[in-house]
Amino acid sequence: MSHRNDDVNVLHVGELSQIDEIVTRASAHWNEGNFVLHRVETLADGIDRTRSGDIDIVLLALNLTDSRGLETFERFHEVIPWVPVVVLT
């Protein structure tokens, strides 16, 4: 899928939730392009997806099937420190 240069690629790492709807609604009010939402459910998949290089920001749930608590953020940030992360609790 191709995206415009001014699109913001958002990766939601976690279970399907209201976060997906909030990001979609926020995109309607963003004047500089669109929020393009991507979603995976595990930390391992989140790391792999972010390594692809096109993710601008990560919305990271702390309790995933393969990681729990603050360790989730620590593991993600250790591997990918350059991408901003919003921690979802």
Protein backbone atom coordinates (compact mmCIF):
# COMPACT_ATOMS: atom_id res chain seq x y z
CA MET A 1 0.00 0.00 0.00
CA SER A 2 1.46 3.38 -0.91
CA HIS A 3 1.02 6.45 1.24
CA ARG A 4 1.47 10.15 0.69
CA ASN A 5 4.65 11.66 2.12
CA ASP A 6 2.65 13.69 4.64
CA ASP A 7 0.77 10.67 6.01
CA VAL A 8 1.52 9.69 9.60
CA ASN A 9 1.94 5.92 9.95
CA VAL A 10 0.66 4.86 13.38
CA LEU A 11 1.29 1.34 14.67
CA HIS A 12 -1.04 0.11 17.40
CA VAL A 13 0.53 -2.83 19.23
CA GLY A 14 -2.24 -4.51 21.19
CA GLU A 15 -5.70 -5.99 20.96
CA LEU A 16 -8.41 -4.34 18.91
CA SER A 17 -9.83 -1.51 21.00
CA GLN A 18 -11.33 1.94 20.96
CA ILE A 19 -7.83 3.26 20.19
CA ASP A 20 -8.29 2.25 16.55
CA GLU A 21 -11.51 4.28 16.32
CA ILE A 22 -9.94 7.28 18.08
CA VAL A 23 -7.02 7.36 15.64
CA THR A 24 -9.38 7.08 12.69
CA ARG A 25 -11.52 9.96 13.98
CA ALA A 26 -8.46 12.11 14.72
CA SER A 27 -7.28 11.62 11.17
CA ALA A 28 -10.39 13.40 9.93
CA HIS A 29 -9.24 16.56 11.76
CA TRP A 30 -5.58 16.39 10.76
CA ASN A 31 -4.82 19.00 8.10
CA GLU A 32 -1.36 17.75 7.14
CA GLY A 33 -2.26 14.38 5.60
CA ASN A 34 -3.80 11.27 7.13
CA PHE A 35 -3.17 8.95 10.01
CA VAL A 36 -2.64 5.52 8.51
CA LEU A 37 -3.35 2.94 11.18
CA HIS A 38 -1.54 -0.41 11.29
CA ARG A 39 -2.14 -2.96 14.04
CA VAL A 40 -0.43 -6.04 15.40
CA GLU A 41 -1.13 -7.94 18.60
CA THR A 42 2.28 -9.04 19.93
CA LEU A 43 5.48 -7.29 20.93
CA ALA A 44 7.49 -9.45 18.53
CA ASP A 45 5.23 -8.46 15.63
CA GLY A 46 5.37 -4.81 16.70
CA ILE A 47 9.16 -4.83 16.67
CA ASP A 48 9.25 -6.55 13.27
CA ARG A 49 6.69 -4.16 11.78
CA THR A 50 8.46 -1.08 13.11
CA ARG A 51 11.80 -2.27 11.76
CA SER A 52 10.30 -1.95 8.27
CA GLY A 53 11.11 1.73 8.60
CA ASP A 54 7.83 3.40 7.68
CA ILE A 55 6.25 3.71 11.15
CA ASP A 56 6.20 7.25 12.58
CA ILE A 57 4.73 6.57 16.04
CA VAL A 58 3.77 3.51 18.09
CA LEU A 59 0.80 3.14 20.42
CA LEU A 60 1.99 0.37 22.74
CA ALA A 61 -0.20 -1.58 25.14
CA LEU A 62 1.77 -2.86 28.12
CA ASN A 63 -0.03 -6.18 28.55
CA LEU A 64 0.41 -8.32 25.46
CA THR A 65 0.36 -12.07 24.93
CA ASP A 66 4.16 -12.18 24.75
CA SER A 67 5.09 -9.44 27.24
CA ARG A 68 3.70 -7.83 30.39
CA GLY A 69 4.07 -4.55 32.21
CA LEU A 70 6.85 -2.01 31.92
CA GLU A 71 9.12 -4.70 30.46
CA THR A 72 7.06 -4.39 27.26
CA PHE A 73 8.15 -0.78 26.76
CA GLU A 74 11.71 -1.47 27.90
CA ARG A 75 12.12 -4.32 25.40
CA PHE A 76 10.63 -2.30 22.55
CA HIS A 77 12.68 0.82 23.29
CA GLU A 78 15.89 -1.17 23.66
CA VAL A 79 15.54 -2.49 20.12
CA ILE A 80 13.94 0.56 18.48
CA PRO A 81 14.85 3.73 20.42
CA TRP A 82 14.30 6.16 17.52
CA VAL A 83 10.52 5.79 17.14
CA PRO A 84 8.26 7.75 19.53
CA VAL A 85 6.08 5.53 21.72
CA VAL A 86 2.81 6.34 23.48
CA VAL A 87 2.23 3.80 26.25
CA LEU A 88 -1.36 2.64 26.64
CA THR A 89 -2.44 1.50 30.10
